[in-house]
């Protein structure tokens, strides 16, 4: 039973990585369709693009614009850059994020073309396999459907969105009425 184990001297002299000193058979490697971070909006999950530069900011001072859509919270200044601030939960699900004592925002692309999204909860690390990927888009909110790149299921729907397309469309819908 211990025939495949190396002696301590042989193990120290070996160039093999430590995990290969015990022969467990062929290495099992899982391929993931998505690896990155995401956050939950009620029962809907939103995946943050892995290549996106982003940060979580607490207590961002938001200046509302009178007459703007209810999902557009206003504008904020972060390190000299002016950012539009959105309530993605209100846009997608029709219900706003519950008021919190400390509001957190996810700032995507914090310089120049950046924007901020109200976070109901902190983002968490996520991995989805190809088996968790779905084709049926029945549960995707209509406003997000045209911008849904991938859909995964793990105790609820998780959407990988085309954020550039979504927020470009939202910017076109921002009509301030008096």
N, C-alpha and C. Protein backbone atom coordinates (compact mmCIF):
# COMPACT_ATOMS: atom_id res chain seq x y z
N UNK A 1 0.81 -1.20 0.00
CA UNK A 1 0.00 0.00 0.00
C UNK A 1 0.85 1.26 0.00
N UNK A 2 2.01 1.22 0.61
CA UNK A 2 2.88 2.40 0.65
C UNK A 2 3.97 2.32 -0.40
N UNK A 3 3.82 1.43 -1.39
CA UNK A 3 4.84 1.27 -2.42
C UNK A 3 5.02 2.53 -3.26
N UNK A 4 3.99 3.31 -3.43
CA UNK A 4 4.07 4.49 -4.30
C UNK A 4 4.55 5.74 -3.56
N UNK A 5 4.78 5.66 -2.24
CA UNK A 5 5.27 6.81 -1.48
C UNK A 5 6.78 6.92 -1.60
N UNK A 6 7.29 8.12 -1.59
CA UNK A 6 8.72 8.37 -1.64
C UNK A 6 9.28 8.40 -0.22
N UNK A 7 10.54 7.99 -0.09
CA UNK A 7 11.20 8.12 1.21
C UNK A 7 11.44 9.60 1.46
N UNK A 8 11.64 10.01 2.72
CA UNK A 8 11.88 11.43 2.99
C UNK A 8 13.08 11.99 2.22
N UNK A 9 14.16 11.24 2.12
CA UNK A 9 15.35 11.71 1.40
C UNK A 9 15.04 11.84 -0.08
N UNK A 10 14.35 10.85 -0.65
CA UNK A 10 14.00 10.90 -2.07
C UNK A 10 13.04 12.05 -2.35
N UNK A 11 12.12 12.31 -1.43
CA UNK A 11 11.17 13.40 -1.62
C UNK A 11 11.88 14.75 -1.61
N UNK A 12 12.85 14.93 -0.71
CA UNK A 12 13.59 16.19 -0.66
C UNK A 12 14.47 16.39 -1.89
N UNK A 13 15.00 15.29 -2.42
CA UNK A 13 15.86 15.38 -3.61
C UNK A 13 15.05 15.46 -4.90
N UNK A 14 13.79 15.13 -4.82
CA UNK A 14 12.94 15.09 -6.01
C UNK A 14 12.66 16.49 -6.53
N UNK A 15 12.53 16.61 -7.83
CA UNK A 15 12.15 17.87 -8.46
C UNK A 15 10.64 17.95 -8.67
N UNK A 16 9.93 16.88 -8.31
CA UNK A 16 8.48 16.84 -8.51
C UNK A 16 7.77 17.74 -7.50
N UNK A 17 6.69 18.40 -7.91
CA UNK A 17 5.91 19.19 -6.95
C UNK A 17 5.38 18.32 -5.83
N UNK A 18 5.21 18.89 -4.66
CA UNK A 18 4.81 18.14 -3.47
C UNK A 18 3.51 17.38 -3.68
N UNK A 19 2.58 17.92 -4.40
CA UNK A 19 1.29 17.25 -4.55
C UNK A 19 1.39 16.00 -5.42
N UNK A 20 2.47 15.86 -6.17
CA UNK A 20 2.63 14.69 -7.02
C UNK A 20 3.41 13.58 -6.32
N UNK A 21 3.88 13.82 -5.10
CA UNK A 21 4.62 12.78 -4.39
C UNK A 21 3.72 11.62 -4.01
N UNK A 22 2.45 11.89 -3.83
CA UNK A 22 1.48 10.83 -3.64
C UNK A 22 0.76 10.65 -4.96
N UNK A 23 0.72 9.45 -5.46
CA UNK A 23 0.09 9.21 -6.75
C UNK A 23 -1.40 9.03 -6.55
N UNK A 24 -2.16 10.06 -6.87
CA UNK A 24 -3.61 10.00 -6.74
C UNK A 24 -4.28 9.68 -8.07
N UNK A 25 -3.52 9.32 -9.06
CA UNK A 25 -4.09 9.05 -10.37
C UNK A 25 -4.07 10.30 -11.21
N UNK A 26 -4.78 10.29 -12.33
CA UNK A 26 -4.78 11.46 -13.22
C UNK A 26 -5.39 12.68 -12.52
N UNK A 27 -4.80 13.82 -12.81
CA UNK A 27 -5.25 15.07 -12.20
C UNK A 27 -6.63 15.44 -12.73
N UNK A 28 -7.53 15.80 -11.82
CA UNK A 28 -8.87 16.24 -12.18
C UNK A 28 -8.85 17.76 -12.27
N UNK A 29 -9.18 18.30 -13.41
CA UNK A 29 -9.21 19.74 -13.59
C UNK A 29 -10.59 20.13 -14.12
N UNK A 30 -11.22 21.06 -13.45
CA UNK A 30 -12.54 21.51 -13.86
C UNK A 30 -12.41 22.74 -14.74
N UNK A 31 -13.08 22.72 -15.87
CA UNK A 31 -13.12 23.89 -16.74
C UNK A 31 -14.37 24.69 -16.38
N UNK A 32 -14.19 25.97 -16.17
CA UNK A 32 -15.30 26.82 -15.78
C UNK A 32 -15.72 27.71 -16.94
N UNK A 33 -17.03 27.86 -17.09
CA UNK A 33 -17.57 28.77 -18.10
C UNK A 33 -17.48 30.21 -17.62
N UNK A 34 -17.47 30.39 -16.29
CA UNK A 34 -17.32 31.73 -15.71
C UNK A 34 -16.59 31.61 -14.38
N UNK A 35 -15.60 32.47 -14.18
CA UNK A 35 -14.91 32.62 -12.90
C UNK A 35 -14.79 34.11 -12.63
N UNK A 36 -15.27 34.55 -11.51
CA UNK A 36 -15.19 35.97 -11.20
C UNK A 36 -16.02 36.30 -9.98
N UNK A 37 -16.61 37.48 -9.99
CA UNK A 37 -17.41 37.97 -8.88
C UNK A 37 -18.82 38.32 -9.35
N UNK A 38 -19.72 38.33 -8.41
CA UNK A 38 -21.09 38.71 -8.71
C UNK A 38 -21.79 39.19 -7.45
N UNK A 39 -22.96 39.79 -7.63
CA UNK A 39 -23.74 40.25 -6.50
C UNK A 39 -25.20 39.93 -6.76
N UNK A 40 -25.95 39.79 -5.68
CA UNK A 40 -27.36 39.40 -5.78
C UNK A 40 -28.27 40.61 -5.70
N UNK A 41 -29.26 40.62 -6.57
CA UNK A 41 -30.35 41.59 -6.54
C UNK A 41 -31.59 40.80 -6.20
N UNK A 42 -31.98 40.78 -4.96
CA UNK A 42 -33.11 39.99 -4.52
C UNK A 42 -32.85 38.53 -4.90
N UNK A 43 -33.57 37.98 -5.88
CA UNK A 43 -33.37 36.58 -6.28
C UNK A 43 -32.65 36.45 -7.61
N UNK A 44 -32.10 37.52 -8.09
CA UNK A 44 -31.41 37.54 -9.37
C UNK A 44 -29.95 37.91 -9.13
N UNK A 45 -29.04 37.15 -9.73
CA UNK A 45 -27.62 37.44 -9.57
C UNK A 45 -27.06 38.13 -10.80
N UNK A 46 -26.17 39.08 -10.58
CA UNK A 46 -25.50 39.80 -11.66
C UNK A 46 -24.01 39.51 -11.57
N UNK A 47 -23.43 39.05 -12.66
CA UNK A 47 -22.00 38.75 -12.70
C UNK A 47 -21.22 39.97 -13.17
N UNK A 48 -20.12 40.24 -12.51
CA UNK A 48 -19.26 41.36 -12.87
C UNK A 48 -18.29 40.85 -13.92
N UNK A 49 -18.15 41.54 -15.04
CA UNK A 49 -17.23 41.07 -16.08
C UNK A 49 -15.82 40.89 -15.51
N UNK A 50 -15.21 39.72 -15.71
CA UNK A 50 -13.88 39.46 -15.12
C UNK A 50 -12.82 40.47 -15.54
N UNK A 51 -12.93 41.02 -16.73
CA UNK A 51 -11.93 41.97 -17.22
C UNK A 51 -12.19 43.40 -16.77
N UNK A 52 -13.33 43.64 -16.13
CA UNK A 52 -13.71 45.00 -15.73
C UNK A 52 -12.88 45.48 -14.55
N UNK A 53 -12.48 46.72 -14.63
CA UNK A 53 -11.86 47.37 -13.47
C UNK A 53 -13.00 47.89 -12.62
N UNK A 54 -13.02 47.50 -11.37
CA UNK A 54 -14.11 47.94 -10.51
C UNK A 54 -13.64 48.03 -9.07
N UNK A 55 -14.45 48.71 -8.28
CA UNK A 55 -14.17 48.83 -6.85
C UNK A 55 -15.48 49.03 -6.12
N UNK A 56 -15.49 48.68 -4.84
CA UNK A 56 -16.64 48.91 -3.98
C UNK A 56 -16.36 50.17 -3.17
N UNK A 57 -17.31 51.10 -3.20
CA UNK A 57 -17.16 52.38 -2.50
C UNK A 57 -18.32 52.51 -1.51
N UNK A 58 -18.00 52.91 -0.29
CA UNK A 58 -19.03 53.13 0.71
C UNK A 58 -19.33 54.62 0.81
N UNK A 59 -20.58 54.91 1.07
CA UNK A 59 -21.02 56.28 1.34
C UNK A 59 -20.69 57.27 0.23
N UNK A 60 -20.97 56.91 -0.97
CA UNK A 60 -20.80 57.83 -2.10
C UNK A 60 -21.90 58.88 -2.03
N UNK A 61 -21.54 60.14 -2.11
CA UNK A 61 -22.53 61.22 -2.06
C UNK A 61 -23.20 61.35 -3.43
N UNK A 62 -24.48 61.00 -3.51
CA UNK A 62 -25.22 61.01 -4.77
C UNK A 62 -26.11 62.25 -4.82
N UNK A 63 -26.02 62.98 -5.92
CA UNK A 63 -26.86 64.17 -6.14
C UNK A 63 -27.98 63.79 -7.11
N UNK A 64 -29.22 63.68 -6.63
CA UNK A 64 -30.33 63.29 -7.51
C UNK A 64 -30.66 64.38 -8.52
N UNK A 65 -31.18 63.95 -9.65
CA UNK A 65 -31.66 64.87 -10.68
C UNK A 65 -33.18 64.84 -10.66
N UNK A 66 -33.83 65.96 -10.43
CA UNK A 66 -35.30 65.99 -10.38
C UNK A 66 -35.91 65.52 -11.70
N UNK A 67 -36.94 64.70 -11.58
CA UNK A 67 -37.66 64.25 -12.76
C UNK A 67 -37.02 63.09 -13.50
N UNK A 68 -35.89 62.59 -13.03
CA UNK A 68 -35.23 61.47 -13.71
C UNK A 68 -35.95 60.17 -13.39
N UNK A 69 -35.70 59.15 -14.19
CA UNK A 69 -36.29 57.83 -13.96
C UNK A 69 -35.94 57.36 -12.54
N UNK A 70 -36.84 56.57 -11.94
CA UNK A 70 -36.62 56.15 -10.55
C UNK A 70 -35.41 55.24 -10.37
N UNK A 71 -34.97 54.56 -11.43
CA UNK A 71 -33.80 53.70 -11.33
C UNK A 71 -32.49 54.47 -11.51
N UNK A 72 -32.59 55.74 -11.87
CA UNK A 72 -31.41 56.59 -11.98
C UNK A 72 -31.31 57.41 -10.70
N UNK A 73 -30.34 57.09 -9.86
CA UNK A 73 -30.23 57.73 -8.55
C UNK A 73 -29.64 59.13 -8.63
N UNK A 74 -28.87 59.41 -9.67
CA UNK A 74 -28.27 60.74 -9.82
C UNK A 74 -26.82 60.65 -10.24
N UNK A 75 -26.08 61.70 -9.89
CA UNK A 75 -24.67 61.79 -10.26
C UNK A 75 -23.83 61.87 -8.98
N UNK A 76 -22.61 61.35 -9.08
CA UNK A 76 -21.69 61.40 -7.94
C UNK A 76 -20.30 61.73 -8.45
N UNK A 77 -19.49 62.25 -7.56
CA UNK A 77 -18.11 62.59 -7.89
C UNK A 77 -17.20 61.64 -7.12
N UNK A 78 -16.27 61.03 -7.84
CA UNK A 78 -15.30 60.13 -7.22
C UNK A 78 -13.92 60.47 -7.77
N UNK A 79 -13.07 61.00 -6.92
CA UNK A 79 -11.70 61.36 -7.29
C UNK A 79 -11.63 62.23 -8.54
N UNK A 80 -12.55 63.17 -8.65
CA UNK A 80 -12.53 64.11 -9.77
C UNK A 80 -13.32 63.66 -10.98
N UNK A 81 -13.85 62.46 -10.98
CA UNK A 81 -14.65 61.96 -12.10
C UNK A 81 -16.12 62.01 -11.72
N UNK A 82 -16.96 62.42 -12.65
CA UNK A 82 -18.41 62.45 -12.43
C UNK A 82 -18.99 61.14 -12.95
N UNK A 83 -19.74 60.45 -12.08
CA UNK A 83 -20.29 59.14 -12.42
C UNK A 83 -21.81 59.15 -12.34
N UNK A 84 -22.49 58.55 -13.32
CA UNK A 84 -23.93 58.31 -13.15
C UNK A 84 -24.10 57.14 -12.17
N UNK A 85 -25.15 57.19 -11.37
CA UNK A 85 -25.40 56.17 -10.34
C UNK A 85 -26.77 55.55 -10.59
N UNK A 86 -26.80 54.22 -10.67
CA UNK A 86 -28.02 53.49 -11.02
C UNK A 86 -28.43 52.53 -9.91
N UNK A 87 -29.73 52.30 -9.79
CA UNK A 87 -30.27 51.25 -8.95
C UNK A 87 -30.68 50.13 -9.90
N UNK A 88 -29.79 49.19 -10.11
CA UNK A 88 -30.01 48.11 -11.07
C UNK A 88 -31.17 47.22 -10.65
N UNK A 89 -31.37 47.07 -9.34
CA UNK A 89 -32.49 46.25 -8.87
C UNK A 89 -33.82 46.88 -9.25
N UNK A 90 -33.94 48.19 -9.11
CA UNK A 90 -35.18 48.87 -9.50
C UNK A 90 -35.38 48.77 -11.01
N UNK A 91 -34.32 48.91 -11.77
CA UNK A 91 -34.42 48.81 -13.23
C UNK A 91 -34.85 47.41 -13.65
N UNK A 92 -34.21 46.39 -13.09
CA UNK A 92 -34.45 45.02 -13.52
C UNK A 92 -35.73 44.42 -12.95
N UNK A 93 -35.96 44.65 -11.67
CA UNK A 93 -37.05 43.96 -10.98
C UNK A 93 -38.23 44.85 -10.62
N UNK A 94 -38.07 46.15 -10.82
CA UNK A 94 -39.16 47.07 -10.51
C UNK A 94 -39.26 47.47 -9.06
N UNK A 95 -38.49 46.82 -8.19
CA UNK A 95 -38.49 47.19 -6.77
C UNK A 95 -37.10 47.69 -6.41
N UNK A 96 -37.07 48.75 -5.65
CA UNK A 96 -35.79 49.35 -5.29
C UNK A 96 -35.06 48.57 -4.23
N UNK A 97 -33.79 48.85 -4.12
CA UNK A 97 -32.98 48.26 -3.08
C UNK A 97 -33.44 48.83 -1.74
N UNK A 98 -33.59 47.96 -0.76
CA UNK A 98 -34.06 48.40 0.55
C UNK A 98 -33.09 49.43 1.14
N UNK A 99 -33.64 50.45 1.79
CA UNK A 99 -32.76 51.46 2.39
C UNK A 99 -31.81 50.82 3.40
N UNK A 100 -30.58 51.28 3.39
CA UNK A 100 -29.57 50.74 4.29
C UNK A 100 -28.93 51.91 5.03
N UNK A 101 -28.46 51.61 6.22
CA UNK A 101 -27.76 52.65 6.99
C UNK A 101 -26.48 53.05 6.27
N UNK A 102 -25.76 52.07 5.78
CA UNK A 102 -24.53 52.33 5.03
C UNK A 102 -24.74 51.83 3.61
N UNK A 103 -24.73 52.72 2.65
CA UNK A 103 -24.94 52.32 1.26
C UNK A 103 -23.59 52.06 0.61
N UNK A 104 -23.54 50.97 -0.15
CA UNK A 104 -22.34 50.60 -0.89
C UNK A 104 -22.65 50.67 -2.37
N UNK A 105 -21.62 50.99 -3.13
CA UNK A 105 -21.76 51.11 -4.57
C UNK A 105 -20.64 50.34 -5.25
N UNK A 106 -20.98 49.69 -6.34
CA UNK A 106 -19.98 49.08 -7.20
C UNK A 106 -19.68 50.09 -8.29
N UNK A 107 -18.44 50.51 -8.36
CA UNK A 107 -18.02 51.47 -9.38
C UNK A 107 -17.30 50.67 -10.47
N UNK A 108 -17.86 50.68 -11.66
CA UNK A 108 -17.27 50.00 -12.81
C UNK A 108 -16.49 51.01 -13.63
N UNK A 109 -15.29 50.63 -14.02
CA UNK A 109 -14.42 51.51 -14.81
C UNK A 109 -14.37 52.89 -14.17
N UNK A 110 -13.71 53.01 -13.02
CA UNK A 110 -13.79 54.24 -12.24
C UNK A 110 -13.27 55.50 -12.91
N UNK A 111 -12.61 55.39 -14.04
CA UNK A 111 -12.10 56.59 -14.69
C UNK A 111 -12.81 56.81 -16.02
N UNK A 112 -13.08 58.04 -16.33
CA UNK A 112 -13.67 58.53 -17.58
C UNK A 112 -15.05 57.98 -17.87
N UNK A 113 -15.21 56.76 -18.38
CA UNK A 113 -16.55 56.28 -18.75
C UNK A 113 -17.20 55.46 -17.63
N UNK A 114 -16.80 55.72 -16.41
CA UNK A 114 -17.27 54.94 -15.28
C UNK A 114 -18.71 55.19 -14.92
N UNK A 115 -19.22 54.30 -14.07
CA UNK A 115 -20.57 54.41 -13.54
C UNK A 115 -20.62 53.67 -12.22
N UNK A 116 -21.64 53.94 -11.45
CA UNK A 116 -21.80 53.28 -10.16
C UNK A 116 -23.18 52.62 -10.09
N UNK A 117 -23.22 51.49 -9.40
CA UNK A 117 -24.46 50.74 -9.21
C UNK A 117 -24.63 50.52 -7.71
N UNK A 118 -25.83 50.78 -7.21
CA UNK A 118 -26.12 50.54 -5.80
C UNK A 118 -26.04 49.05 -5.52
N UNK A 119 -25.30 48.67 -4.48
CA UNK A 119 -25.11 47.26 -4.13
C UNK A 119 -25.99 46.88 -2.94
N UNK A 120 -26.89 45.94 -3.10
CA UNK A 120 -27.67 45.47 -1.96
C UNK A 120 -26.83 44.59 -1.02
N UNK A 121 -25.80 43.95 -1.57
CA UNK A 121 -24.92 43.07 -0.78
C UNK A 121 -23.53 43.10 -1.41
N UNK A 122 -22.54 42.74 -0.63
CA UNK A 122 -21.17 42.72 -1.14
C UNK A 122 -21.03 41.66 -2.23
N UNK A 123 -20.22 41.93 -3.24
CA UNK A 123 -19.96 40.91 -4.26
C UNK A 123 -19.26 39.71 -3.63
N UNK A 124 -19.45 38.55 -4.24
CA UNK A 124 -18.78 37.35 -3.76
C UNK A 124 -18.14 36.63 -4.93
N UNK A 125 -17.15 35.80 -4.63
CA UNK A 125 -16.42 35.03 -5.63
C UNK A 125 -17.31 33.90 -6.12
N UNK A 126 -17.39 33.72 -7.45
CA UNK A 126 -18.26 32.71 -8.05
C UNK A 126 -17.54 31.95 -9.15
N UNK A 127 -17.93 30.71 -9.32
CA UNK A 127 -17.46 29.88 -10.43
C UNK A 127 -18.66 29.09 -10.95
N UNK A 128 -18.80 29.07 -12.25
CA UNK A 128 -19.88 28.30 -12.86
C UNK A 128 -19.30 27.38 -13.93
N UNK A 129 -19.69 26.13 -13.88
CA UNK A 129 -19.25 25.17 -14.88
C UNK A 129 -20.16 25.25 -16.11
N UNK A 130 -19.75 24.60 -17.17
CA UNK A 130 -20.57 24.57 -18.38
C UNK A 130 -21.91 23.89 -18.12
N UNK A 131 -21.95 22.94 -17.17
CA UNK A 131 -23.20 22.26 -16.84
C UNK A 131 -24.20 23.20 -16.17
N UNK A 132 -23.73 24.29 -15.57
CA UNK A 132 -24.62 25.25 -14.92
C UNK A 132 -25.12 26.32 -15.89
N UNK A 133 -24.60 26.31 -17.10
CA UNK A 133 -24.99 27.29 -18.10
C UNK A 133 -26.36 26.90 -18.66
N UNK A 134 -27.21 27.90 -18.89
CA UNK A 134 -28.57 27.65 -19.36
C UNK A 134 -28.83 28.37 -20.67
N UNK A 135 -29.72 27.81 -21.46
CA UNK A 135 -30.17 28.46 -22.68
C UNK A 135 -31.54 29.11 -22.49
N UNK A 136 -32.33 28.57 -21.58
CA UNK A 136 -33.68 29.06 -21.34
C UNK A 136 -33.61 30.40 -20.60
N UNK A 137 -34.06 31.46 -21.25
CA UNK A 137 -33.98 32.80 -20.67
C UNK A 137 -35.31 33.25 -20.08
N UNK A 138 -36.15 32.28 -19.70
CA UNK A 138 -37.51 32.59 -19.23
C UNK A 138 -37.52 33.49 -17.99
N UNK A 139 -36.57 33.36 -17.09
CA UNK A 139 -36.60 34.16 -15.86
C UNK A 139 -35.86 35.48 -15.93
N UNK A 140 -35.33 35.82 -17.10
CA UNK A 140 -34.56 37.05 -17.24
C UNK A 140 -35.52 38.24 -17.37
N UNK A 141 -35.33 39.28 -16.55
CA UNK A 141 -36.20 40.46 -16.67
C UNK A 141 -36.13 41.05 -18.08
N UNK A 142 -37.27 41.49 -18.63
CA UNK A 142 -37.32 41.98 -20.01
C UNK A 142 -36.32 43.10 -20.31
N UNK A 143 -36.08 44.00 -19.37
CA UNK A 143 -35.14 45.09 -19.62
C UNK A 143 -33.69 44.61 -19.75
N UNK A 144 -33.39 43.46 -19.15
CA UNK A 144 -32.02 42.94 -19.20
C UNK A 144 -31.82 41.92 -20.32
N UNK A 145 -32.90 41.35 -20.82
CA UNK A 145 -32.83 40.28 -21.81
C UNK A 145 -31.98 40.62 -23.03
N UNK A 146 -32.11 41.80 -23.65
CA UNK A 146 -31.29 42.08 -24.84
C UNK A 146 -29.79 42.17 -24.53
N UNK A 147 -29.45 42.30 -23.26
CA UNK A 147 -28.04 42.49 -22.88
C UNK A 147 -27.47 41.28 -22.16
N UNK A 148 -28.20 40.18 -22.14
CA UNK A 148 -27.77 38.97 -21.45
C UNK A 148 -26.84 38.16 -22.35
N UNK A 149 -25.58 38.04 -21.97
CA UNK A 149 -24.61 37.26 -22.75
C UNK A 149 -24.65 35.79 -22.38
N UNK A 150 -24.71 35.51 -21.09
CA UNK A 150 -24.74 34.14 -20.59
C UNK A 150 -25.65 34.08 -19.39
N UNK A 151 -26.18 32.91 -19.15
CA UNK A 151 -27.10 32.68 -18.04
C UNK A 151 -26.67 31.41 -17.33
N UNK A 152 -26.55 31.48 -16.01
CA UNK A 152 -26.16 30.33 -15.21
C UNK A 152 -27.19 30.13 -14.12
N UNK A 153 -27.26 28.89 -13.61
CA UNK A 153 -28.18 28.61 -12.52
C UNK A 153 -27.42 27.97 -11.37
N UNK A 154 -27.54 28.58 -10.19
CA UNK A 154 -27.00 28.03 -8.95
C UNK A 154 -27.80 28.66 -7.81
N UNK A 155 -28.83 27.96 -7.36
CA UNK A 155 -29.76 28.50 -6.36
C UNK A 155 -30.35 29.83 -6.82
N UNK A 156 -30.63 29.95 -8.07
CA UNK A 156 -31.17 31.16 -8.67
C UNK A 156 -30.44 31.49 -9.96
N UNK A 157 -30.98 32.44 -10.70
CA UNK A 157 -30.37 32.84 -11.97
C UNK A 157 -29.22 33.81 -11.74
N UNK A 158 -28.16 33.64 -12.52
CA UNK A 158 -27.02 34.54 -12.53
C UNK A 158 -26.80 34.97 -13.97
N UNK A 159 -26.81 36.28 -14.20
CA UNK A 159 -26.69 36.83 -15.55
C UNK A 159 -25.32 37.43 -15.79
N UNK A 160 -24.75 37.10 -16.93
CA UNK A 160 -23.55 37.78 -17.41
C UNK A 160 -24.04 38.78 -18.45
N UNK A 161 -23.93 40.05 -18.14
CA UNK A 161 -24.52 41.11 -18.97
C UNK A 161 -23.48 41.84 -19.80
N UNK A 162 -23.95 42.39 -20.90
CA UNK A 162 -23.17 43.36 -21.68
C UNK A 162 -23.42 44.71 -21.03
N UNK A 163 -22.57 45.07 -20.07
CA UNK A 163 -22.77 46.31 -19.32
C UNK A 163 -22.69 47.54 -20.21
N UNK A 164 -21.79 47.55 -21.18
CA UNK A 164 -21.68 48.71 -22.07
C UNK A 164 -22.99 48.94 -22.81
N UNK A 165 -23.55 47.88 -23.37
CA UNK A 165 -24.82 48.00 -24.09
C UNK A 165 -25.97 48.39 -23.18
N UNK A 166 -26.02 47.77 -22.00
CA UNK A 166 -27.10 48.06 -21.05
C UNK A 166 -27.07 49.51 -20.61
N UNK A 167 -25.91 49.99 -20.21
CA UNK A 167 -25.86 51.36 -19.69
C UNK A 167 -25.92 52.40 -20.81
N UNK A 168 -25.53 52.04 -22.02
CA UNK A 168 -25.73 52.96 -23.16
C UNK A 168 -27.22 53.12 -23.42
N UNK A 169 -27.96 52.01 -23.37
CA UNK A 169 -29.41 52.08 -23.56
C UNK A 169 -30.06 52.86 -22.42
N UNK A 170 -29.60 52.65 -21.19
CA UNK A 170 -30.16 53.38 -20.05
C UNK A 170 -29.91 54.87 -20.19
N UNK A 171 -28.74 55.25 -20.68
CA UNK A 171 -28.42 56.67 -20.86
C UNK A 171 -29.37 57.31 -21.87
N UNK A 172 -29.74 56.57 -22.91
CA UNK A 172 -30.68 57.10 -23.90
C UNK A 172 -32.08 57.28 -23.32
N UNK A 173 -32.42 56.48 -22.31
CA UNK A 173 -33.74 56.56 -21.69
C UNK A 173 -33.82 57.64 -20.62
N UNK A 174 -32.69 58.22 -20.26
CA UNK A 174 -32.68 59.24 -19.22
C UNK A 174 -33.21 60.56 -19.76
N UNK A 175 -34.48 60.69 -19.70
CA UNK A 175 -35.11 61.93 -20.13
C UNK A 175 -35.66 62.60 -18.88
N UNK A 176 -35.17 63.75 -18.59
CA UNK A 176 -35.64 64.48 -17.42
C UNK A 176 -36.88 65.27 -17.82
N UNK A 177 -37.98 65.04 -17.09
CA UNK A 177 -39.23 65.75 -17.36
C UNK A 177 -39.50 66.73 -16.23
N UNK A 178 -40.14 67.82 -16.54
CA UNK A 178 -40.43 68.82 -15.50
C UNK A 178 -41.88 68.77 -15.11
